[in-house]
Amino acid sequence: MSSINRRDFLYMSGLCVAGTLAGLQLPRPNAARAAAASTEPAVLGVQDWKTLESITARIIPSDHEPGAREANCVNFIDKALANEDSAARPLYLGALPAIAAMAKARHGSDFAGLDEAQQDALLGELEAGTAKDWPLEQLPQQLFFETVRLHTIVGFLADPSYGGNQGYAGWRVAGYPGPRRKGFTVDEMQGKARIVPVWERPD
């Protein structure tokens, strides 16, 4: 994905975030507190964490700019599942081991160990609902893919206090300077001065 296309994608995603936050039950005070307290897994096991981290890294890949891995989107999802988004926990805890098992059966390696083309091929089948070796009839593969994609985008663009967007990676890529601070100068309000992004502002 080119930088322009990805920036446009994230910009459009950002426009959708306001609408999706309600569905994802933000603000998430409990998830935010959990994320601030620890980056250790709260719900996911070590293997599931690695699988999910690799999935998010294919949804928003890293190139010359940071992607979901650098933004630590997996931590955002883990803390959300431990708190306000706990209803989605069975979906993740069922789907992630299934994906690892599918990867192992197909290629002799868990999902995190596959090359990018193999990962994309498997995820493409899940997105289309065409993975014939999907073992979970009660958990639709398309539902999992759409859920993890939405969580990844929100984790990339949400305030870092929720556990993702580490180092303001998502905001930097999307060109968003962060929430407006109080006390704008007249020049800033009139667009005559550069608005200082949050990662350059003094504490």
N, C-alpha and C. Protein backbone atom coordinates (compact mmCIF):
# COMPACT_ATOMS: atom_id res chain seq x y z
N MET A 1 0.85 -1.19 0.00
CA MET A 1 0.00 0.00 0.00
C MET A 1 0.89 1.24 0.00
N SER A 2 0.64 2.14 -0.89
CA SER A 2 1.46 3.34 -0.98
C SER A 2 1.16 4.25 0.19
N SER A 3 2.08 5.18 0.48
CA SER A 3 1.88 6.08 1.61
C SER A 3 0.65 6.95 1.39
N ILE A 4 0.42 7.39 0.14
CA ILE A 4 -0.74 8.24 -0.14
C ILE A 4 -2.02 7.44 0.09
N ASN A 5 -2.06 6.24 -0.46
CA ASN A 5 -3.26 5.42 -0.31
C ASN A 5 -3.51 5.09 1.15
N ARG A 6 -2.43 4.79 1.89
CA ARG A 6 -2.62 4.45 3.28
C ARG A 6 -3.08 5.67 4.07
N ARG A 7 -2.51 6.83 3.77
CA ARG A 7 -2.94 8.04 4.47
C ARG A 7 -4.42 8.31 4.19
N ASP A 8 -4.83 8.15 2.92
CA ASP A 8 -6.23 8.35 2.59
C ASP A 8 -7.10 7.33 3.31
N PHE A 9 -6.63 6.09 3.36
CA PHE A 9 -7.37 5.03 4.05
C PHE A 9 -7.56 5.39 5.52
N LEU A 10 -6.48 5.83 6.16
CA LEU A 10 -6.57 6.15 7.57
C LEU A 10 -7.41 7.40 7.80
N TYR A 11 -7.35 8.35 6.85
CA TYR A 11 -8.17 9.55 6.98
C TYR A 11 -9.65 9.16 6.94
N MET A 12 -10.01 8.33 5.95
CA MET A 12 -11.39 7.88 5.85
C MET A 12 -11.79 7.06 7.07
N SER A 13 -10.87 6.23 7.55
CA SER A 13 -11.14 5.45 8.75
C SER A 13 -11.38 6.37 9.94
N GLY A 14 -10.58 7.43 10.01
CA GLY A 14 -10.73 8.39 11.09
C GLY A 14 -12.10 9.06 11.07
N LEU A 15 -12.61 9.31 9.87
CA LEU A 15 -13.94 9.89 9.76
C LEU A 15 -14.99 8.92 10.27
N CYS A 16 -14.71 7.61 10.09
CA CYS A 16 -15.66 6.60 10.53
C CYS A 16 -15.55 6.30 12.01
N VAL A 17 -14.39 6.64 12.60
CA VAL A 17 -14.17 6.27 14.00
C VAL A 17 -15.23 6.88 14.91
N ALA A 18 -15.62 8.12 14.63
CA ALA A 18 -16.62 8.76 15.48
C ALA A 18 -17.90 7.93 15.51
N GLY A 19 -18.26 7.34 14.37
CA GLY A 19 -19.45 6.51 14.33
C GLY A 19 -19.24 5.14 14.94
N THR A 20 -18.02 4.61 14.84
CA THR A 20 -17.79 3.26 15.34
C THR A 20 -17.46 3.23 16.82
N LEU A 21 -17.04 4.36 17.37
CA LEU A 21 -16.68 4.37 18.79
C LEU A 21 -17.87 4.00 19.65
N ALA A 22 -19.05 4.48 19.27
CA ALA A 22 -20.23 4.15 20.06
C ALA A 22 -20.48 2.65 20.04
N GLY A 23 -20.34 2.05 18.87
CA GLY A 23 -20.52 0.61 18.76
C GLY A 23 -19.47 -0.16 19.51
N LEU A 24 -18.28 0.41 19.64
CA LEU A 24 -17.20 -0.23 20.39
C LEU A 24 -17.16 0.23 21.84
N GLN A 25 -18.20 0.96 22.27
CA GLN A 25 -18.38 1.35 23.66
C GLN A 25 -17.28 2.26 24.18
N LEU A 26 -16.77 3.14 23.36
CA LEU A 26 -15.83 4.14 23.85
C LEU A 26 -16.61 5.35 24.34
N PRO A 27 -16.16 6.10 25.34
CA PRO A 27 -14.85 5.91 25.98
C PRO A 27 -14.80 4.65 26.84
N ARG A 28 -13.58 4.13 26.99
CA ARG A 28 -13.35 2.89 27.72
C ARG A 28 -12.52 3.18 28.97
N PRO A 29 -13.10 3.69 30.01
CA PRO A 29 -12.27 4.03 31.18
C PRO A 29 -11.56 2.83 31.78
N ASN A 30 -12.22 1.68 31.82
CA ASN A 30 -11.57 0.50 32.41
C ASN A 30 -10.42 0.01 31.55
N ALA A 31 -10.63 -0.02 30.23
CA ALA A 31 -9.56 -0.44 29.32
C ALA A 31 -8.40 0.54 29.38
N ALA A 32 -8.71 1.83 29.48
CA ALA A 32 -7.66 2.84 29.54
C ALA A 32 -6.82 2.66 30.81
N ARG A 33 -7.48 2.40 31.92
CA ARG A 33 -6.73 2.20 33.17
C ARG A 33 -5.88 0.94 33.08
N ALA A 34 -6.43 -0.12 32.49
CA ALA A 34 -5.68 -1.37 32.36
C ALA A 34 -4.48 -1.19 31.45
N ALA A 35 -4.67 -0.45 30.35
CA ALA A 35 -3.57 -0.22 29.41
C ALA A 35 -2.48 0.62 30.04
N ALA A 36 -2.89 1.61 30.85
CA ALA A 36 -1.90 2.46 31.52
C ALA A 36 -1.12 1.69 32.57
N ALA A 37 -1.76 0.68 33.15
CA ALA A 37 -1.12 -0.07 34.23
C ALA A 37 -0.13 -1.10 33.72
N SER A 38 -0.41 -1.67 32.52
CA SER A 38 0.44 -2.76 32.06
C SER A 38 0.29 -2.98 30.56
N THR A 39 1.39 -3.40 29.94
CA THR A 39 1.34 -3.84 28.55
C THR A 39 1.41 -5.36 28.46
N GLU A 40 1.31 -6.02 29.61
CA GLU A 40 1.28 -7.48 29.63
C GLU A 40 -0.12 -7.98 29.28
N PRO A 41 -0.22 -9.17 28.66
CA PRO A 41 -1.54 -9.69 28.27
C PRO A 41 -2.48 -9.82 29.46
N ALA A 42 -3.73 -9.41 29.24
CA ALA A 42 -4.76 -9.56 30.27
C ALA A 42 -5.73 -10.68 29.91
N VAL A 43 -5.93 -10.93 28.64
CA VAL A 43 -6.87 -11.95 28.16
C VAL A 43 -6.16 -12.98 27.30
N LEU A 44 -5.31 -12.52 26.42
CA LEU A 44 -4.71 -13.39 25.42
C LEU A 44 -3.52 -14.15 25.99
N GLY A 45 -3.41 -15.42 25.61
CA GLY A 45 -2.21 -16.17 25.91
C GLY A 45 -1.07 -15.76 25.00
N VAL A 46 0.11 -16.27 25.27
CA VAL A 46 1.29 -15.88 24.50
C VAL A 46 1.11 -16.17 23.01
N GLN A 47 0.63 -17.36 22.69
CA GLN A 47 0.47 -17.74 21.29
C GLN A 47 -0.62 -16.91 20.61
N ASP A 48 -1.74 -16.71 21.30
CA ASP A 48 -2.82 -15.91 20.72
C ASP A 48 -2.36 -14.46 20.51
N TRP A 49 -1.56 -13.94 21.43
CA TRP A 49 -1.03 -12.58 21.31
C TRP A 49 -0.19 -12.47 20.03
N LYS A 50 0.70 -13.45 19.81
CA LYS A 50 1.55 -13.43 18.62
C LYS A 50 0.72 -13.52 17.34
N THR A 51 -0.29 -14.39 17.36
CA THR A 51 -1.16 -14.53 16.19
C THR A 51 -1.88 -13.22 15.90
N LEU A 52 -2.47 -12.64 16.93
CA LEU A 52 -3.23 -11.40 16.74
C LEU A 52 -2.31 -10.25 16.32
N GLU A 53 -1.14 -10.16 16.92
CA GLU A 53 -0.21 -9.10 16.54
C GLU A 53 0.14 -9.21 15.05
N SER A 54 0.33 -10.43 14.57
CA SER A 54 0.66 -10.62 13.16
C SER A 54 -0.52 -10.30 12.27
N ILE A 55 -1.74 -10.60 12.72
CA ILE A 55 -2.93 -10.26 11.94
C ILE A 55 -3.06 -8.75 11.82
N THR A 56 -2.93 -8.04 12.93
CA THR A 56 -3.04 -6.58 12.88
C THR A 56 -1.96 -5.98 11.98
N ALA A 57 -0.78 -6.60 11.97
CA ALA A 57 0.32 -6.09 11.15
C ALA A 57 0.06 -6.26 9.66
N ARG A 58 -0.82 -7.17 9.28
CA ARG A 58 -1.19 -7.29 7.87
C ARG A 58 -2.36 -6.39 7.53
N ILE A 59 -3.17 -6.04 8.51
CA ILE A 59 -4.28 -5.11 8.26
C ILE A 59 -3.75 -3.70 8.06
N ILE A 60 -2.82 -3.27 8.90
CA ILE A 60 -2.13 -1.99 8.72
C ILE A 60 -0.64 -2.30 8.73
N PRO A 61 -0.06 -2.60 7.56
CA PRO A 61 1.34 -3.02 7.50
C PRO A 61 2.32 -1.89 7.80
N SER A 62 3.51 -2.26 8.17
CA SER A 62 4.61 -1.31 8.34
C SER A 62 5.35 -1.18 7.03
N ASP A 63 5.72 0.04 6.67
CA ASP A 63 6.60 0.27 5.53
C ASP A 63 7.58 1.36 5.93
N HIS A 64 7.63 2.46 5.19
CA HIS A 64 8.49 3.56 5.62
C HIS A 64 7.84 4.37 6.74
N GLU A 65 6.59 4.01 7.05
CA GLU A 65 5.88 4.60 8.18
C GLU A 65 5.41 3.47 9.08
N PRO A 66 5.16 3.78 10.36
CA PRO A 66 4.77 2.72 11.30
C PRO A 66 3.40 2.15 10.98
N GLY A 67 3.21 0.91 11.36
CA GLY A 67 1.94 0.24 11.18
C GLY A 67 1.36 -0.21 12.51
N ALA A 68 0.45 -1.18 12.44
CA ALA A 68 -0.24 -1.63 13.65
C ALA A 68 0.71 -2.25 14.67
N ARG A 69 1.77 -2.90 14.19
CA ARG A 69 2.71 -3.52 15.13
C ARG A 69 3.39 -2.44 15.98
N GLU A 70 3.88 -1.38 15.32
CA GLU A 70 4.56 -0.31 16.07
C GLU A 70 3.59 0.43 16.98
N ALA A 71 2.33 0.52 16.56
CA ALA A 71 1.33 1.21 17.38
C ALA A 71 0.82 0.34 18.52
N ASN A 72 1.25 -0.92 18.56
CA ASN A 72 0.86 -1.86 19.62
C ASN A 72 -0.66 -2.03 19.68
N CYS A 73 -1.27 -2.19 18.51
CA CYS A 73 -2.72 -2.38 18.46
C CYS A 73 -3.16 -3.62 19.20
N VAL A 74 -2.29 -4.63 19.27
CA VAL A 74 -2.66 -5.85 19.97
C VAL A 74 -2.91 -5.57 21.45
N ASN A 75 -2.19 -4.65 22.04
CA ASN A 75 -2.40 -4.31 23.44
C ASN A 75 -3.74 -3.61 23.63
N PHE A 76 -4.09 -2.74 22.69
CA PHE A 76 -5.40 -2.08 22.74
C PHE A 76 -6.51 -3.12 22.72
N ILE A 77 -6.41 -4.10 21.81
CA ILE A 77 -7.46 -5.11 21.69
C ILE A 77 -7.53 -5.97 22.95
N ASP A 78 -6.37 -6.39 23.45
CA ASP A 78 -6.33 -7.21 24.65
C ASP A 78 -7.00 -6.51 25.82
N LYS A 79 -6.69 -5.23 26.03
CA LYS A 79 -7.28 -4.51 27.17
C LYS A 79 -8.76 -4.24 26.95
N ALA A 80 -9.16 -4.02 25.70
CA ALA A 80 -10.58 -3.83 25.41
C ALA A 80 -11.35 -5.12 25.70
N LEU A 81 -10.78 -6.27 25.31
CA LEU A 81 -11.44 -7.56 25.55
C LEU A 81 -11.53 -7.87 27.04
N ALA A 82 -10.59 -7.37 27.80
CA ALA A 82 -10.59 -7.61 29.24
C ALA A 82 -11.60 -6.73 29.96
N ASN A 83 -12.12 -5.73 29.26
CA ASN A 83 -12.97 -4.74 29.91
C ASN A 83 -14.24 -4.49 29.11
N GLU A 84 -14.39 -3.31 28.51
CA GLU A 84 -15.67 -2.94 27.91
C GLU A 84 -16.09 -3.79 26.71
N ASP A 85 -15.15 -4.42 26.03
CA ASP A 85 -15.49 -5.24 24.86
C ASP A 85 -15.43 -6.73 25.18
N SER A 86 -15.72 -7.09 26.41
CA SER A 86 -15.61 -8.49 26.83
C SER A 86 -16.57 -9.39 26.06
N ALA A 87 -17.64 -8.83 25.49
CA ALA A 87 -18.58 -9.65 24.73
C ALA A 87 -17.90 -10.29 23.51
N ALA A 88 -16.84 -9.66 23.01
CA ALA A 88 -16.13 -10.20 21.85
C ALA A 88 -15.04 -11.20 22.23
N ARG A 89 -14.84 -11.41 23.53
CA ARG A 89 -13.76 -12.30 23.98
C ARG A 89 -13.89 -13.72 23.43
N PRO A 90 -15.10 -14.33 23.47
CA PRO A 90 -15.21 -15.70 22.92
C PRO A 90 -14.86 -15.77 21.44
N LEU A 91 -15.17 -14.72 20.70
CA LEU A 91 -14.85 -14.70 19.28
C LEU A 91 -13.35 -14.78 19.07
N TYR A 92 -12.60 -13.97 19.80
CA TYR A 92 -11.14 -13.97 19.68
C TYR A 92 -10.52 -15.26 20.21
N LEU A 93 -11.00 -15.71 21.36
CA LEU A 93 -10.38 -16.88 21.98
C LEU A 93 -10.71 -18.16 21.23
N GLY A 94 -11.75 -18.13 20.41
CA GLY A 94 -12.02 -19.25 19.54
C GLY A 94 -11.30 -19.14 18.21
N ALA A 95 -11.29 -17.95 17.64
CA ALA A 95 -10.76 -17.77 16.29
C ALA A 95 -9.24 -17.82 16.23
N LEU A 96 -8.56 -17.24 17.20
CA LEU A 96 -7.10 -17.16 17.12
C LEU A 96 -6.43 -18.54 17.15
N PRO A 97 -6.81 -19.44 18.05
CA PRO A 97 -6.23 -20.79 17.97
C PRO A 97 -6.60 -21.51 16.68
N ALA A 98 -7.81 -21.25 16.16
CA ALA A 98 -8.22 -21.88 14.91
C ALA A 98 -7.34 -21.42 13.76
N ILE A 99 -7.02 -20.14 13.71
CA ILE A 99 -6.17 -19.61 12.65
C ILE A 99 -4.76 -20.19 12.76
N ALA A 100 -4.25 -20.28 13.98
CA ALA A 100 -2.93 -20.87 14.17
C ALA A 100 -2.91 -22.32 13.71
N ALA A 101 -3.97 -23.05 14.00
CA ALA A 101 -4.05 -24.45 13.59
C ALA A 101 -4.17 -24.58 12.07
N MET A 102 -4.93 -23.69 11.44
CA MET A 102 -5.05 -23.71 9.98
C MET A 102 -3.70 -23.45 9.33
N ALA A 103 -2.97 -22.46 9.86
CA ALA A 103 -1.65 -22.15 9.32
C ALA A 103 -0.71 -23.33 9.47
N LYS A 104 -0.78 -23.99 10.62
CA LYS A 104 0.10 -25.14 10.88
C LYS A 104 -0.22 -26.28 9.92
N ALA A 105 -1.51 -26.54 9.69
CA ALA A 105 -1.91 -27.63 8.82
C ALA A 105 -1.54 -27.35 7.37
N ARG A 106 -1.63 -26.08 6.98
CA ARG A 106 -1.36 -25.72 5.58
C ARG A 106 0.12 -25.60 5.28
N HIS A 107 0.86 -24.99 6.22
CA HIS A 107 2.24 -24.61 5.91
C HIS A 107 3.27 -25.12 6.92
N GLY A 108 2.83 -25.83 7.95
CA GLY A 108 3.77 -26.36 8.91
C GLY A 108 4.30 -25.34 9.90
N SER A 109 3.62 -24.20 10.02
CA SER A 109 4.06 -23.14 10.94
C SER A 109 2.84 -22.42 11.47
N ASP A 110 2.96 -21.85 12.68
CA ASP A 110 1.84 -21.05 13.16
C ASP A 110 1.74 -19.77 12.32
N PHE A 111 0.66 -19.03 12.52
CA PHE A 111 0.39 -17.87 11.65
C PHE A 111 1.52 -16.86 11.69
N ALA A 112 2.06 -16.61 12.87
CA ALA A 112 3.12 -15.60 13.00
C ALA A 112 4.38 -16.00 12.23
N GLY A 113 4.55 -17.29 11.97
CA GLY A 113 5.74 -17.75 11.26
C GLY A 113 5.59 -17.81 9.76
N LEU A 114 4.41 -17.52 9.24
CA LEU A 114 4.20 -17.54 7.79
C LEU A 114 4.79 -16.30 7.15
N ASP A 115 5.07 -16.37 5.85
CA ASP A 115 5.51 -15.16 5.16
C ASP A 115 4.28 -14.30 4.86
N GLU A 116 4.51 -13.08 4.45
CA GLU A 116 3.41 -12.12 4.29
C GLU A 116 2.39 -12.59 3.25
N ALA A 117 2.85 -13.19 2.17
CA ALA A 117 1.93 -13.66 1.13
C ALA A 117 1.02 -14.76 1.67
N GLN A 118 1.58 -15.66 2.46
CA GLN A 118 0.78 -16.73 3.05
C GLN A 118 -0.23 -16.17 4.06
N GLN A 119 0.22 -15.21 4.86
CA GLN A 119 -0.69 -14.59 5.82
C GLN A 119 -1.83 -13.87 5.10
N ASP A 120 -1.49 -13.12 4.06
CA ASP A 120 -2.52 -12.39 3.32
C ASP A 120 -3.52 -13.32 2.65
N ALA A 121 -3.03 -14.43 2.14
CA ALA A 121 -3.91 -15.39 1.48
C ALA A 121 -4.93 -15.96 2.47
N LEU A 122 -4.45 -16.32 3.66
CA LEU A 122 -5.36 -16.89 4.67
C LEU A 122 -6.36 -15.83 5.13
N LEU A 123 -5.89 -14.63 5.40
CA LEU A 123 -6.79 -13.57 5.84
C LEU A 123 -7.78 -13.19 4.76
N GLY A 124 -7.36 -13.24 3.50
CA GLY A 124 -8.27 -12.96 2.41
C GLY A 124 -9.41 -13.95 2.35
N GLU A 125 -9.12 -15.21 2.65
CA GLU A 125 -10.18 -16.21 2.69
C GLU A 125 -11.14 -15.95 3.85
N LEU A 126 -10.60 -15.56 4.99
CA LEU A 126 -11.46 -15.25 6.13
C LEU A 126 -12.36 -14.06 5.81
N GLU A 127 -11.79 -13.05 5.18
CA GLU A 127 -12.56 -11.86 4.82
C GLU A 127 -13.71 -12.22 3.88
N ALA A 128 -13.44 -13.11 2.93
CA ALA A 128 -14.45 -13.51 1.96
C ALA A 128 -15.36 -14.63 2.48
N GLY A 129 -14.97 -15.24 3.60
CA GLY A 129 -15.76 -16.34 4.14
C GLY A 129 -15.61 -17.62 3.36
N THR A 130 -14.46 -17.82 2.73
CA THR A 130 -14.26 -18.98 1.84
C THR A 130 -13.24 -19.98 2.34
N ALA A 131 -12.76 -19.84 3.58
CA ALA A 131 -11.78 -20.78 4.12
C ALA A 131 -12.48 -22.10 4.44
N LYS A 132 -12.28 -23.10 3.60
CA LYS A 132 -12.99 -24.37 3.75
C LYS A 132 -12.53 -25.15 4.98
N ASP A 133 -11.33 -24.86 5.46
CA ASP A 133 -10.83 -25.56 6.64
C ASP A 133 -11.10 -24.81 7.93
N TRP A 134 -11.96 -23.79 7.87
CA TRP A 134 -12.34 -23.08 9.09
C TRP A 134 -13.12 -24.03 9.99
N PRO A 135 -12.67 -24.28 11.22
CA PRO A 135 -13.26 -25.36 12.02
C PRO A 135 -14.42 -24.95 12.91
N LEU A 136 -14.79 -23.66 12.93
CA LEU A 136 -15.74 -23.18 13.93
C LEU A 136 -17.05 -22.72 13.27
N GLU A 137 -17.99 -23.60 13.16
CA GLU A 137 -19.27 -23.25 12.53
C GLU A 137 -20.02 -22.20 13.34
N GLN A 138 -19.84 -22.23 14.65
CA GLN A 138 -20.56 -21.29 15.51
C GLN A 138 -19.95 -19.90 15.52
N LEU A 139 -18.74 -19.74 14.97
CA LEU A 139 -18.06 -18.44 14.92
C LEU A 139 -17.77 -18.11 13.46
N PRO A 140 -18.60 -17.33 12.82
CA PRO A 140 -18.40 -17.02 11.40
C PRO A 140 -17.04 -16.36 11.16
N GLN A 141 -16.32 -16.87 10.18
CA GLN A 141 -14.99 -16.34 9.90
C GLN A 141 -15.04 -14.89 9.45
N GLN A 142 -16.06 -14.50 8.71
CA GLN A 142 -16.17 -13.11 8.27
C GLN A 142 -16.42 -12.18 9.45
N LEU A 143 -17.21 -12.65 10.41
CA LEU A 143 -17.47 -11.83 11.59
C LEU A 143 -16.17 -11.57 12.34
N PHE A 144 -15.33 -12.60 12.50
CA PHE A 144 -14.06 -12.38 13.18
C PHE A 144 -13.20 -11.38 12.41
N PHE A 145 -13.09 -11.56 11.09
CA PHE A 145 -12.22 -10.68 10.33
C PHE A 145 -12.68 -9.22 10.43
N GLU A 146 -13.97 -8.98 10.28
CA GLU A 146 -14.46 -7.61 10.35
C GLU A 146 -14.28 -7.03 11.74
N THR A 147 -14.43 -7.86 12.77
CA THR A 147 -14.24 -7.38 14.14
C THR A 147 -12.79 -7.00 14.39
N VAL A 148 -11.86 -7.86 13.99
CA VAL A 148 -10.45 -7.57 14.24
C VAL A 148 -9.99 -6.41 13.37
N ARG A 149 -10.52 -6.28 12.17
CA ARG A 149 -10.14 -5.13 11.34
C ARG A 149 -10.60 -3.83 11.98
N LEU A 150 -11.83 -3.80 12.46
CA LEU A 150 -12.33 -2.58 13.10
C LEU A 150 -11.55 -2.27 14.36
N HIS A 151 -11.29 -3.28 15.19
CA HIS A 151 -10.50 -3.06 16.40
C HIS A 151 -9.10 -2.54 16.06
N THR A 152 -8.51 -3.06 14.99
CA THR A 152 -7.16 -2.64 14.62
C THR A 152 -7.15 -1.17 14.20
N ILE A 153 -8.11 -0.78 13.39
CA ILE A 153 -8.18 0.61 12.93
C ILE A 153 -8.39 1.55 14.11
N VAL A 154 -9.32 1.19 15.00
CA VAL A 154 -9.57 2.04 16.16
C VAL A 154 -8.35 2.08 17.07
N GLY A 155 -7.70 0.92 17.25
CA GLY A 155 -6.50 0.89 18.07
C GLY A 155 -5.37 1.72 17.50
N PHE A 156 -5.32 1.83 16.19
CA PHE A 156 -4.28 2.62 15.53
C PHE A 156 -4.55 4.11 15.65
N LEU A 157 -5.84 4.49 15.72
CA LEU A 157 -6.20 5.91 15.67
C LEU A 157 -6.71 6.48 16.99
N ALA A 158 -7.05 5.61 17.94
CA ALA A 158 -7.60 6.11 19.21
C ALA A 158 -6.52 6.77 20.05
N ASP A 159 -6.95 7.48 21.07
CA ASP A 159 -6.01 8.10 22.00
C ASP A 159 -5.10 7.04 22.60
N PRO A 160 -3.81 7.30 22.73
CA PRO A 160 -2.88 6.30 23.27
C PRO A 160 -3.24 5.80 24.66
N SER A 161 -4.05 6.53 25.40
CA SER A 161 -4.42 6.08 26.74
C SER A 161 -5.19 4.77 26.72
N TYR A 162 -5.72 4.40 25.54
CA TYR A 162 -6.48 3.16 25.44
C TYR A 162 -5.60 1.96 25.11
N GLY A 163 -4.30 2.15 24.99
CA GLY A 163 -3.39 1.03 24.85
C GLY A 163 -2.78 0.86 23.48
N GLY A 164 -3.36 1.47 22.46
CA GLY A 164 -2.81 1.41 21.11
C GLY A 164 -2.18 2.74 20.73
N ASN A 165 -2.03 2.98 19.44
CA ASN A 165 -1.50 4.25 18.94
C ASN A 165 -0.23 4.64 19.70
N GLN A 166 0.62 3.64 19.96
CA GLN A 166 1.83 3.88 20.74
C GLN A 166 2.74 4.88 20.03
N GLY A 167 3.25 5.85 20.78
CA GLY A 167 4.09 6.88 20.19
C GLY A 167 3.35 7.75 19.19
N TYR A 168 2.01 7.77 19.31
CA TYR A 168 1.16 8.54 18.38
C TYR A 168 1.38 8.09 16.94
N ALA A 169 1.69 6.80 16.76
CA ALA A 169 2.00 6.30 15.41
C ALA A 169 0.86 6.54 14.44
N GLY A 170 -0.36 6.21 14.85
CA GLY A 170 -1.50 6.38 13.96
C GLY A 170 -1.76 7.83 13.62
N TRP A 171 -1.67 8.70 14.62
CA TRP A 171 -1.92 10.11 14.38
C TRP A 171 -0.85 10.71 13.47
N ARG A 172 0.38 10.28 13.63
CA ARG A 172 1.44 10.78 12.77
C ARG A 172 1.20 10.39 11.31
N VAL A 173 0.84 9.11 11.09
CA VAL A 173 0.61 8.64 9.73
C VAL A 173 -0.60 9.33 9.12
N ALA A 174 -1.66 9.51 9.91
CA ALA A 174 -2.88 10.11 9.40
C ALA A 174 -2.78 11.63 9.26
N GLY A 175 -1.71 12.23 9.83
CA GLY A 175 -1.57 13.67 9.76
C GLY A 175 -2.45 14.41 10.74
N TYR A 176 -2.84 13.74 11.83
CA TYR A 176 -3.69 14.36 12.85
C TYR A 176 -2.81 14.83 14.00
N PRO A 177 -2.84 16.12 14.37
CA PRO A 177 -1.93 16.64 15.39
C PRO A 177 -2.35 16.36 16.82
N GLY A 178 -3.50 15.72 17.01
CA GLY A 178 -4.00 15.48 18.35
C GLY A 178 -5.07 16.48 18.74
N PRO A 179 -5.71 16.28 19.89
CA PRO A 179 -6.77 17.19 20.32
C PRO A 179 -6.25 18.62 20.45
N ARG A 180 -7.12 19.54 20.18
CA ARG A 180 -6.72 20.94 20.31
C ARG A 180 -6.44 21.26 21.77
N ARG A 181 -5.36 21.98 21.95
CA ARG A 181 -5.03 22.40 23.31
C ARG A 181 -5.71 23.73 23.59
N LYS A 182 -5.87 24.03 24.86
CA LYS A 182 -6.46 25.30 25.25
C LYS A 182 -5.44 26.43 25.02
N GLY A 183 -5.95 27.62 24.83
CA GLY A 183 -5.09 28.77 24.75
C GLY A 183 -4.44 28.98 23.39
N PHE A 184 -5.17 28.71 22.30
CA PHE A 184 -4.64 29.00 20.98
C PHE A 184 -4.33 30.49 20.85
N THR A 185 -3.26 30.81 20.14
CA THR A 185 -2.98 32.20 19.82
C THR A 185 -3.90 32.65 18.69
N VAL A 186 -3.99 33.94 18.50
CA VAL A 186 -4.80 34.47 17.41
C VAL A 186 -4.28 33.96 16.07
N ASP A 187 -2.95 33.92 15.90
CA ASP A 187 -2.37 33.44 14.65
C ASP A 187 -2.74 31.99 14.39
N GLU A 188 -2.71 31.16 15.43
CA GLU A 188 -3.08 29.76 15.27
C GLU A 188 -4.54 29.63 14.89
N MET A 189 -5.40 30.41 15.52
CA MET A 189 -6.83 30.34 15.24
C MET A 189 -7.13 30.79 13.82
N GLN A 190 -6.34 31.69 13.30
CA GLN A 190 -6.55 32.20 11.94
C GLN A 190 -5.76 31.41 10.91
N GLY A 191 -5.11 30.35 11.33
CA GLY A 191 -4.37 29.51 10.40
C GLY A 191 -3.06 30.12 9.94
N LYS A 192 -2.54 31.09 10.65
CA LYS A 192 -1.29 31.75 10.24
C LYS A 192 -0.07 31.15 10.92
N ALA A 193 -0.29 30.27 11.85
CA ALA A 193 0.82 29.64 12.57
C ALA A 193 0.62 28.13 12.57
N ARG A 194 1.73 27.42 12.59
CA ARG A 194 1.68 25.96 12.60
C ARG A 194 1.12 25.47 13.92
N ILE A 195 0.16 24.56 13.84
CA ILE A 195 -0.37 23.93 15.04
C ILE A 195 0.61 22.86 15.48
N VAL A 196 1.07 22.95 16.71
CA VAL A 196 2.07 22.02 17.21
C VAL A 196 1.40 20.69 17.54
N PRO A 197 1.85 19.59 16.94
CA PRO A 197 1.24 18.29 17.26
C PRO A 197 1.51 17.89 18.70
N VAL A 198 0.67 17.03 19.22
CA VAL A 198 0.71 16.68 20.63
C VAL A 198 2.06 16.06 21.02
N TRP A 199 2.71 15.34 20.08
CA TRP A 199 3.98 14.69 20.44
C TRP A 199 5.14 15.68 20.49
N GLU A 200 4.91 16.94 20.09
CA GLU A 200 5.94 17.96 20.19
C GLU A 200 5.63 18.98 21.28
N ARG A 201 4.52 18.82 21.95
CA ARG A 201 4.13 19.79 22.97
C ARG A 201 4.79 19.46 24.29
N PRO A 202 5.11 20.46 25.07
CA PRO A 202 5.67 20.20 26.42
C PRO A 202 4.60 19.58 27.30
N ASP A 203 5.04 18.78 28.24
CA ASP A 203 4.09 18.13 29.17
C ASP A 203 3.39 19.19 30.03
